[in-house]
Protein backbone atom coordinates (compact mmCIF):
# COMPACT_ATOMS: atom_id res chain seq x y z
CA UNK A 1 97.90 120.99 86.28
CA UNK A 2 99.80 119.11 88.58
CA UNK A 3 100.34 115.62 88.34
CA UNK A 4 102.25 113.45 91.44
CA UNK A 5 102.96 109.34 91.14
CA UNK A 6 103.23 106.82 93.57
CA UNK A 7 104.34 102.86 93.35
CA UNK A 8 101.23 102.32 91.53
CA UNK A 9 98.78 105.23 91.64
CA UNK A 10 98.31 108.88 90.29
CA UNK A 11 97.38 111.81 91.10
CA UNK A 12 96.24 114.86 88.74
CA UNK A 13 95.26 118.14 90.40
CA UNK A 14 93.25 120.48 87.73
CA UNK A 15 93.95 124.08 87.39
CA UNK A 16 90.25 124.71 88.79
CA UNK A 17 91.13 122.86 92.13
CA UNK A 18 89.48 119.26 91.56
CA UNK A 19 91.84 116.19 91.97
CA UNK A 20 91.51 112.87 90.60
CA UNK A 21 93.27 109.80 90.43
CA UNK A 22 94.15 106.45 89.44
CA UNK A 23 95.77 103.48 89.64
CA UNK A 24 96.29 100.75 92.38
CA UNK A 25 94.32 101.20 95.27
CA UNK A 26 95.21 98.73 98.10
CA UNK A 27 95.87 101.06 100.77
CA UNK A 28 92.92 103.38 100.28
CA UNK A 29 95.46 105.67 97.98
CA UNK A 30 92.40 106.39 95.85
CA UNK A 31 90.30 108.06 98.05
CA UNK A 32 87.69 106.86 96.92
CA UNK A 33 86.57 105.32 100.95
CA UNK A 34 86.51 101.85 99.39
CA UNK A 35 88.86 98.90 100.32
CA UNK A 36 90.88 97.96 97.23
CA UNK A 37 88.70 98.20 94.34
CA UNK A 38 90.34 99.85 91.48
CA UNK A 39 88.76 102.20 90.30
CA UNK A 40 89.38 103.68 86.57
CA UNK A 41 89.76 107.45 87.58
CA UNK A 42 87.94 109.26 90.36
CA UNK A 43 87.37 112.03 91.94
CA UNK A 44 88.94 112.45 95.68
CA UNK A 45 87.08 114.89 97.82
CA UNK A 46 83.79 116.66 95.97
CA UNK A 47 83.16 119.97 96.47
CA UNK A 48 86.71 120.41 97.93
CA UNK A 49 89.02 122.66 96.20
CA UNK A 50 92.57 121.72 95.93
CA UNK A 51 96.18 123.53 96.26
CA UNK A 52 99.00 120.78 95.75
CA UNK A 53 99.20 117.51 96.22
CA UNK A 54 101.95 114.77 96.70
CA UNK A 55 101.63 110.89 96.53
CA UNK A 56 104.25 108.35 98.23
CA UNK A 57 104.34 104.79 97.65
CA UNK A 58 101.02 103.68 99.14
CA UNK A 59 99.71 107.61 100.69
CA UNK A 60 98.48 110.39 99.00
CA UNK A 61 98.59 114.22 100.60
CA UNK A 62 97.06 117.45 99.41
CA UNK A 63 96.60 121.06 100.58
CA UNK A 64 93.15 122.52 100.30
CA UNK A 65 92.82 126.16 99.51
CA UNK A 66 91.71 127.28 102.50
CA UNK A 67 95.76 125.50 104.26
CA UNK A 68 94.78 122.58 105.83
CA UNK A 69 96.32 119.38 105.22
CA UNK A 70 95.13 115.68 104.11
CA UNK A 71 96.29 112.47 103.91
CA UNK A 72 94.98 109.25 102.26
CA UNK A 73 96.08 105.66 102.13
CA UNK A 74 98.42 103.78 103.93
CA UNK A 75 98.85 105.68 107.28
CA UNK A 76 100.52 104.51 110.16
CA UNK A 77 102.38 106.99 111.59
CA UNK A 78 100.69 110.26 111.43
CA UNK A 79 98.08 111.42 113.61
CA UNK A 80 94.67 112.59 111.83
CA UNK A 81 91.30 113.87 113.73
CA UNK A 82 90.40 112.88 116.27
CA UNK A 83 94.57 113.26 117.02
CA UNK A 84 94.61 109.32 117.14
CA UNK A 85 97.11 106.75 115.79
CA UNK A 86 95.49 105.25 112.91
CA UNK A 87 96.65 101.62 112.65
CA UNK A 88 94.95 100.86 109.34
CA UNK A 89 94.51 103.20 106.06
CA UNK A 90 92.63 106.00 105.90
CA UNK A 91 90.47 105.24 102.37
CA UNK A 92 89.31 108.73 102.22
CA UNK A 93 91.29 112.08 102.95
CA UNK A 94 91.35 112.71 106.08
CA UNK A 95 92.50 115.72 108.28
CA UNK A 96 95.93 116.46 109.82
CA UNK A 97 96.17 117.10 112.99
CA UNK A 98 99.91 118.63 113.54
CA UNK A 99 101.47 118.07 117.48
CA UNK A 100 101.74 121.17 119.26
CA UNK A 101 105.39 122.54 118.94
CA UNK A 102 107.63 122.66 121.98
CA UNK A 103 105.75 125.36 124.39
CA UNK A 104 102.41 124.54 123.69
CA UNK A 105 101.89 126.48 120.71
CA UNK A 106 100.18 125.22 117.92
CA UNK A 107 102.56 124.16 114.95
CA UNK A 108 101.91 126.51 112.53
CA UNK A 109 102.28 125.39 108.03
């Protein structure tokens, strides 16, 4: 099991790949898709297999088994599909799109 903690929320990644969250959800950092309601303990992204997680002050990020990165919560500077700046919090996991590297090649992570 892997744990990550933000300023007022926590994430737990189980060995089987399921992701769980609890705590404050004012910016959607629990990934429930809802605004503000603080559920006691929720599964993030049903059916998705997670490999790694991290939590920031009011945001969460995860790496799925397929190598894709996902972000939810306070999201003012990261580009997400469909490649637009998100002025509002992402209240559910949203795939991160990396800009092309200099020279036009896709950024590889």
